[in-house]
């Protein structure tokens, strides 16, 4: 990298620069077709852009440093070194519970780990990267295949036979009967009047929305709860983000009472993960983020899962917001997320 920068600096003083001696080790394979096409000389413009891009990557990885720089400087420059470090080293190591000779500690840990393997399962090999440099690579030996026992196959077969075969509508209606989550869906006008056989209608609408099949497969003539007009009316007036959030909170609270879920965890620990999607149209939720969406716009769908394996919240995030803020919003807002209190 430094040779390439020095080479570009020297070109500024030449009227007819010669690029035949340009350092090509800095040019990756993705740039070679532009920098040095087949049977053609090195293109100065593409070579300069390539070096600048690799320089930015090297600065970000702290492979190259800028003297007296706070952001791009050498992070080791702020560490103790020389006589000052040797003088305080025993005190610092003792306060941290570390040995003064780290190489000996690492060697002991390596030998202890290696002795537990029945055969050499871990080794270091020299491999060459795309630039031709030799680097140490950690190689793990594959484990021997363990034959499946007949008793395990028999157990799996017996468990599969005990599992009932149910359709999705039956499963959703049974969960409604156990939890009563349909009562959380209120009319948009906040009216308290209820439709006859409302849980059946709301379950049909939720199934149509979740499976993305529309209302047509749910319509049953002669059944008032499944008439098209009833389904369309409920979809337009009862399905909203706040009602879905309340219904999901009731499901999460009910799952916390199941003994199996309590064996998995106490409900006080959760994890958050996001999926990024490129949105081709301009919407309120989509935003630009060149790191993930290139020149387009996109969204991030953040899902929260508790240690009881219940998804208690999801948020659509624009492409420009920081994920850490969204994670805190979902975990700290207990009322909307319905995190079980410890």
Protein backbone atom coordinates (compact mmCIF):
# COMPACT_ATOMS: atom_id res chain seq x y z
CA UNK A 1 0.00 0.00 0.00
CA UNK A 2 2.75 2.46 0.93
CA UNK A 3 4.70 1.60 -2.22
CA UNK A 4 1.60 2.33 -4.33
CA UNK A 5 1.05 5.68 -2.59
CA UNK A 6 4.70 6.64 -3.09
CA UNK A 7 4.47 5.64 -6.74
CA UNK A 8 1.38 7.83 -7.30
CA UNK A 9 3.07 10.73 -5.54
CA UNK A 10 6.10 10.49 -7.82
CA UNK A 11 3.85 10.48 -10.92
CA UNK A 12 2.71 14.02 -10.15
CA UNK A 13 6.18 15.33 -11.05
CA UNK A 14 6.36 13.52 -14.39
CA UNK A 15 5.03 14.98 -17.64
CA UNK A 16 4.83 11.59 -19.33
CA UNK A 17 4.39 9.08 -16.52
CA UNK A 18 5.34 5.46 -17.07
CA UNK A 19 3.02 3.02 -15.29
CA UNK A 20 4.78 -0.17 -16.31
CA UNK A 21 6.52 -0.29 -12.91
CA UNK A 22 3.32 0.36 -10.89
CA UNK A 23 3.07 -1.93 -7.83
CA UNK A 24 0.30 -4.36 -8.75
CA UNK A 25 0.20 -6.27 -5.45
CA UNK A 26 -2.32 -3.74 -4.15
CA UNK A 27 -4.75 -4.40 -7.04
CA UNK A 28 -7.28 -7.18 -6.22
CA UNK A 29 -8.80 -9.44 -8.85
CA UNK A 30 -12.04 -7.39 -8.93
CA UNK A 31 -10.06 -4.34 -10.10
CA UNK A 32 -7.62 -5.98 -12.54
CA UNK A 33 -9.98 -5.98 -15.51
CA UNK A 34 -10.28 -2.20 -15.18
CA UNK A 35 -6.77 -1.28 -14.05
CA UNK A 36 -4.83 -3.50 -16.44
CA UNK A 37 -7.03 -4.99 -19.18
CA UNK A 38 -5.61 -7.83 -21.22
CA UNK A 39 -2.87 -6.72 -23.66
CA UNK A 40 -3.31 -3.07 -22.59
CA UNK A 41 -1.19 -0.74 -20.42
CA UNK A 42 -2.14 0.18 -16.87
CA UNK A 43 -4.92 2.79 -16.75
CA UNK A 44 -3.81 5.61 -14.46
CA UNK A 45 -7.34 6.69 -13.55
CA UNK A 46 -8.53 3.26 -12.48
CA UNK A 47 -5.25 2.55 -10.74
CA UNK A 48 -5.59 5.74 -8.68
CA UNK A 49 -9.18 4.93 -7.69
CA UNK A 50 -8.19 1.38 -6.77
CA UNK A 51 -5.34 2.57 -4.55
CA UNK A 52 -7.60 5.11 -2.84
CA UNK A 53 -10.23 2.46 -2.14
CA UNK A 54 -7.66 0.05 -0.72
CA UNK A 55 -6.19 2.90 1.33
CA UNK A 56 -9.58 3.61 2.87
CA UNK A 57 -10.01 -0.07 3.73
CA UNK A 58 -6.52 -0.22 5.24
CA UNK A 59 -7.18 2.87 7.36
CA UNK A 60 -10.43 1.41 8.60
CA UNK A 61 -8.71 -1.87 9.53
CA UNK A 62 -5.78 0.05 11.06
CA UNK A 63 -3.31 -1.61 8.72
CA UNK A 64 -2.09 1.86 7.71
CA UNK A 65 -1.81 4.76 10.15
CA UNK A 66 -1.78 8.55 9.92
CA UNK A 67 0.67 10.20 12.29
CA UNK A 68 -0.86 12.36 15.03
CA UNK A 69 -4.37 11.40 13.97
CA UNK A 70 -7.06 10.60 16.53
CA UNK A 71 -9.26 8.44 14.31
CA UNK A 72 -6.76 6.96 11.84
CA UNK A 73 -3.73 6.81 14.13
CA UNK A 74 -2.01 3.75 15.56
CA UNK A 75 -4.12 2.53 18.52
CA UNK A 76 -0.96 1.05 20.06
CA UNK A 77 0.53 4.52 20.41
CA UNK A 78 -1.57 5.14 23.53
CA UNK A 79 -0.38 1.95 25.20
CA UNK A 80 2.43 1.84 27.73
CA UNK A 81 5.76 0.79 26.27
CA UNK A 82 9.44 0.61 27.05
CA UNK A 83 10.72 1.14 30.57
CA UNK A 84 7.43 2.60 31.78
CA UNK A 85 5.57 -0.59 30.86
CA UNK A 86 8.22 -2.88 32.33
CA UNK A 87 8.04 -0.95 35.59
CA UNK A 88 4.26 -1.25 36.05
CA UNK A 89 3.79 -4.59 34.28
CA UNK A 90 3.88 -6.85 37.39
CA UNK A 91 1.36 -4.64 39.21
CA UNK A 92 -1.08 -4.54 36.29
CA UNK A 93 -0.82 -8.28 35.63
CA UNK A 94 -1.43 -9.03 39.31
CA UNK A 95 -4.51 -6.76 39.43
CA UNK A 96 -5.94 -8.47 36.33
CA UNK A 97 -5.10 -11.96 37.54
CA UNK A 98 -2.77 -12.62 34.60
CA UNK A 99 0.67 -14.13 34.37
CA UNK A 100 3.64 -11.94 33.59
CA UNK A 101 4.76 -14.27 30.79
CA UNK A 102 1.72 -14.60 28.46
CA UNK A 103 3.55 -16.89 26.03
CA UNK A 104 3.93 -19.55 28.70
CA UNK A 105 0.23 -19.28 29.61
CA UNK A 106 -0.79 -19.60 25.95
CA UNK A 107 1.53 -22.57 25.48
CA UNK A 108 0.06 -24.33 28.51
CA UNK A 109 -3.50 -23.69 27.31
CA UNK A 110 -2.67 -24.99 23.84
CA UNK A 111 -1.05 -28.18 25.16
CA UNK A 112 -3.95 -28.80 27.55
CA UNK A 113 -6.48 -28.41 24.73
CA UNK A 114 -4.47 -30.55 22.30
CA UNK A 115 -4.15 -33.35 24.86
CA UNK A 116 -7.93 -33.69 25.00
CA UNK A 117 -8.18 -34.61 21.33
CA UNK A 118 -7.85 -38.34 20.56
CA UNK A 119 -6.01 -37.33 17.41
CA UNK A 120 -4.49 -34.07 16.12
CA UNK A 121 -7.75 -32.26 15.47
CA UNK A 122 -6.36 -28.72 15.25
CA UNK A 123 -3.35 -27.58 13.29
CA UNK A 124 -1.90 -24.48 11.66
CA UNK A 125 -1.08 -24.46 7.98
CA UNK A 126 0.50 -21.88 5.70
CA UNK A 127 -1.90 -20.71 2.97
CA UNK A 128 -1.55 -18.01 0.34
CA UNK A 129 -4.10 -15.23 0.01
CA UNK A 130 -5.11 -13.47 -3.20
CA UNK A 131 -2.10 -11.15 -2.93
CA UNK A 132 0.29 -14.11 -2.75
CA UNK A 133 1.19 -13.62 0.91
CA UNK A 134 1.56 -16.63 3.20
CA UNK A 135 -0.65 -16.52 6.27
CA UNK A 136 -1.30 -18.92 9.13
CA UNK A 137 -4.66 -20.66 8.80
CA UNK A 138 -6.40 -22.67 11.53
CA UNK A 139 -7.51 -26.08 10.22
CA UNK A 140 -10.03 -28.26 12.08
CA UNK A 141 -10.06 -31.95 11.28
CA UNK A 142 -13.51 -33.27 10.49
CA UNK A 143 -15.16 -35.52 13.06
CA UNK A 144 -15.86 -39.16 12.31
CA UNK A 145 -19.42 -39.98 11.37
CA UNK A 146 -21.44 -41.47 14.21
CA UNK A 147 -23.92 -44.09 13.07
CA UNK A 148 -27.49 -43.50 14.16
CA UNK A 149 -28.68 -46.10 16.62
CA UNK A 150 -31.80 -48.15 15.96
CA UNK A 151 -33.30 -47.04 19.28
CA UNK A 152 -33.00 -43.39 18.21
CA UNK A 153 -34.79 -44.01 14.92
CA UNK A 154 -37.52 -45.90 16.77
CA UNK A 155 -37.93 -43.02 19.24
CA UNK A 156 -38.19 -40.49 16.42
CA UNK A 157 -40.83 -42.62 14.71
CA UNK A 158 -42.90 -42.93 17.89
CA UNK A 159 -42.74 -39.18 18.55
CA UNK A 160 -43.81 -38.43 14.97
CA UNK A 161 -46.80 -40.77 15.29
CA UNK A 162 -47.96 -39.01 18.46
CA UNK A 163 -47.99 -35.59 16.79
CA UNK A 164 -51.52 -34.81 15.54
CA UNK A 165 -52.07 -33.79 11.95
CA UNK A 166 -53.94 -30.47 12.06
CA UNK A 167 -54.58 -27.71 9.56
CA UNK A 168 -53.49 -24.16 10.20
CA UNK A 169 -57.07 -22.88 10.73
CA UNK A 170 -57.68 -25.55 13.38
CA UNK A 171 -54.42 -24.70 15.12
CA UNK A 172 -55.19 -20.96 15.15
CA UNK A 173 -58.70 -21.52 16.49
CA UNK A 174 -57.37 -23.77 19.25
CA UNK A 175 -54.83 -21.15 20.32
CA UNK A 176 -57.62 -18.57 20.37
CA UNK A 177 -59.70 -20.85 22.58
CA UNK A 178 -56.79 -21.29 25.00
CA UNK A 179 -55.64 -17.65 25.16
CA UNK A 180 -58.54 -15.47 24.00
CA UNK A 181 -56.25 -13.21 21.96
CA UNK A 182 -59.17 -12.21 19.69
CA UNK A 183 -60.55 -10.01 22.47
CA UNK A 184 -57.57 -7.66 21.99
CA UNK A 185 -58.83 -6.63 18.53
CA UNK A 186 -61.06 -3.58 18.92
CA UNK A 187 -62.92 -1.52 16.33
CA UNK A 188 -61.10 1.51 14.97
CA UNK A 189 -63.87 3.74 16.37
CA UNK A 190 -63.25 2.21 19.82
CA UNK A 191 -66.80 0.94 19.88
CA UNK A 192 -67.47 -1.93 22.27
CA UNK A 193 -70.12 -3.76 20.25
CA UNK A 194 -69.09 -7.24 19.15
CA UNK A 195 -69.90 -9.27 16.07
CA UNK A 196 -71.30 -12.77 16.40
CA UNK A 197 -68.63 -15.48 16.14
CA UNK A 198 -65.98 -12.76 15.96
CA UNK A 199 -62.98 -15.05 16.85
CA UNK A 200 -63.63 -17.18 13.75
CA UNK A 201 -63.61 -14.12 11.51
CA UNK A 202 -60.48 -12.61 13.05
CA UNK A 203 -58.61 -15.92 12.80
CA UNK A 204 -59.54 -16.24 9.13
CA UNK A 205 -58.33 -12.70 8.40
CA UNK A 206 -55.07 -13.26 10.28
CA UNK A 207 -54.48 -16.50 8.38
CA UNK A 208 -55.09 -14.77 5.05
CA UNK A 209 -52.66 -11.97 5.98
CA UNK A 210 -49.97 -14.31 7.34
CA UNK A 211 -50.06 -16.70 4.37
CA UNK A 212 -50.41 -13.82 1.87
CA UNK A 213 -53.21 -15.61 0.03
CA UNK A 214 -55.89 -12.96 0.27
CA UNK A 215 -59.43 -13.32 1.57
CA UNK A 216 -60.81 -15.41 -1.29
CA UNK A 217 -59.65 -18.84 0.05
CA UNK A 218 -61.26 -18.00 3.42
CA UNK A 219 -64.72 -17.17 2.06
CA UNK A 220 -67.44 -19.71 2.84
CA UNK A 221 -70.94 -18.94 1.60
CA UNK A 222 -73.69 -19.71 4.08
CA UNK A 223 -71.40 -19.17 7.10
CA UNK A 224 -71.94 -15.59 8.39
CA UNK A 225 -68.53 -15.41 10.07
CA UNK A 226 -66.77 -16.25 6.78
CA UNK A 227 -68.77 -14.18 4.30
CA UNK A 228 -66.65 -11.88 2.13
CA UNK A 229 -68.32 -8.70 3.43
CA UNK A 230 -67.69 -9.74 7.05
CA UNK A 231 -64.02 -10.63 6.36
CA UNK A 232 -63.41 -7.38 4.50
CA UNK A 233 -65.10 -5.35 7.25
CA UNK A 234 -62.98 -6.92 9.99
CA UNK A 235 -59.80 -6.54 7.97
CA UNK A 236 -60.37 -2.82 7.46
CA UNK A 237 -61.55 -1.94 10.97
CA UNK A 238 -59.88 -4.37 13.39
CA UNK A 239 -56.44 -5.24 11.96
CA UNK A 240 -54.04 -2.50 13.08
CA UNK A 241 -50.47 -2.47 14.45
CA UNK A 242 -51.66 -1.64 17.98
CA UNK A 243 -54.25 -4.45 18.08
CA UNK A 244 -51.80 -6.97 16.68
CA UNK A 245 -49.23 -5.89 19.28
CA UNK A 246 -51.74 -6.36 22.12
CA UNK A 247 -52.78 -9.78 20.84
CA UNK A 248 -49.16 -10.86 20.50
CA UNK A 249 -48.47 -9.67 24.06
CA UNK A 250 -51.26 -11.90 25.35
CA UNK A 251 -49.77 -14.89 23.51
CA UNK A 252 -46.33 -14.17 24.98
CA UNK A 253 -47.76 -13.86 28.50
CA UNK A 254 -49.65 -17.13 28.12
CA UNK A 255 -46.57 -18.98 26.83
CA UNK A 256 -44.65 -17.84 29.92
CA UNK A 257 -47.00 -19.91 32.06
CA UNK A 258 -46.27 -23.18 30.19
CA UNK A 259 -43.88 -25.43 32.20
CA UNK A 260 -41.79 -26.27 29.12
CA UNK A 261 -41.23 -22.59 28.34
CA UNK A 262 -40.26 -21.97 31.96
CA UNK A 263 -37.67 -24.73 31.66
CA UNK A 264 -36.13 -22.93 28.67
CA UNK A 265 -35.66 -19.63 30.52
CA UNK A 266 -37.16 -17.06 32.81
CA UNK A 267 -38.19 -14.57 30.14
CA UNK A 268 -35.79 -11.85 31.32
CA UNK A 269 -33.24 -12.41 28.52
CA UNK A 270 -33.87 -11.59 24.86
CA UNK A 271 -32.00 -11.31 21.60
CA UNK A 272 -32.55 -9.03 18.61
CA UNK A 273 -31.75 -9.76 14.99
CA UNK A 274 -32.46 -7.85 11.80
CA UNK A 275 -33.15 -8.73 8.17
CA UNK A 276 -32.39 -6.12 5.53
CA UNK A 277 -34.52 -5.75 2.40
CA UNK A 278 -34.05 -3.50 -0.63
CA UNK A 279 -37.24 -1.55 -1.40
CA UNK A 280 -37.53 -0.53 -5.06
CA UNK A 281 -40.21 2.12 -4.38
CA UNK A 282 -40.01 5.36 -2.42
CA UNK A 283 -41.88 4.86 0.87
CA UNK A 284 -41.84 6.48 4.30
CA UNK A 285 -40.10 3.48 5.89
CA UNK A 286 -37.37 2.99 3.27
CA UNK A 287 -34.16 4.99 3.51
CA UNK A 288 -30.73 5.10 1.84
CA UNK A 289 -27.79 3.20 3.27
CA UNK A 290 -24.92 2.68 0.78
CA UNK A 291 -23.28 0.11 3.05
CA UNK A 292 -26.18 -2.35 2.74
CA UNK A 293 -28.40 -1.15 -0.11
CA UNK A 294 -25.90 0.31 -2.58
CA UNK A 295 -27.51 3.10 -4.59
CA UNK A 296 -31.02 2.02 -3.61
CA UNK A 297 -33.16 2.35 -0.52
CA UNK A 298 -34.20 -0.29 1.98
CA UNK A 299 -35.55 -1.25 5.37
CA UNK A 300 -34.46 -3.43 8.27
CA UNK A 301 -36.95 -5.73 9.99
CA UNK A 302 -35.77 -6.21 13.59
CA UNK A 303 -37.20 -9.21 15.46
CA UNK A 304 -36.96 -9.77 19.21
CA UNK A 305 -36.94 -13.27 20.70
CA UNK A 306 -36.92 -14.10 24.41
CA UNK A 307 -35.09 -16.99 26.00
CA UNK A 308 -38.47 -18.76 26.11
CA UNK A 309 -38.44 -18.79 22.28
CA UNK A 310 -41.31 -16.34 21.91
CA UNK A 311 -41.17 -13.48 19.43
CA UNK A 312 -42.49 -10.57 21.46
CA UNK A 313 -41.86 -7.66 19.09
CA UNK A 314 -40.74 -6.63 15.60
CA UNK A 315 -39.96 -3.18 14.25
CA UNK A 316 -39.50 -1.87 10.72
CA UNK A 317 -36.47 0.42 10.64
CA UNK A 318 -35.43 2.83 7.92
CA UNK A 319 -32.07 2.34 6.30
CA UNK A 320 -30.40 5.26 8.07
CA UNK A 321 -31.16 4.56 11.75
CA UNK A 322 -28.60 2.86 13.96
CA UNK A 323 -29.52 -0.69 14.96
CA UNK A 324 -28.40 -0.15 18.55
CA UNK A 325 -31.07 2.50 19.15
CA UNK A 326 -33.78 0.21 17.80
CA UNK A 327 -32.61 -2.69 19.97
CA UNK A 328 -32.78 -0.51 23.08
CA UNK A 329 -36.24 0.77 22.12
CA UNK A 330 -37.57 -2.75 21.83
CA UNK A 331 -35.97 -4.07 25.01
CA UNK A 332 -36.65 -1.10 27.29
CA UNK A 333 -40.24 -0.40 26.28
CA UNK A 334 -41.71 -3.22 28.34
CA UNK A 335 -45.30 -2.12 28.03
CA UNK A 336 -45.43 -2.42 24.26
CA UNK A 337 -43.04 -5.35 24.03
CA UNK A 338 -44.71 -7.19 26.92
CA UNK A 339 -41.49 -8.57 28.39
CA UNK A 340 -42.32 -10.74 31.43
CA UNK A 341 -41.30 -8.92 34.60
CA UNK A 342 -38.79 -10.65 36.83
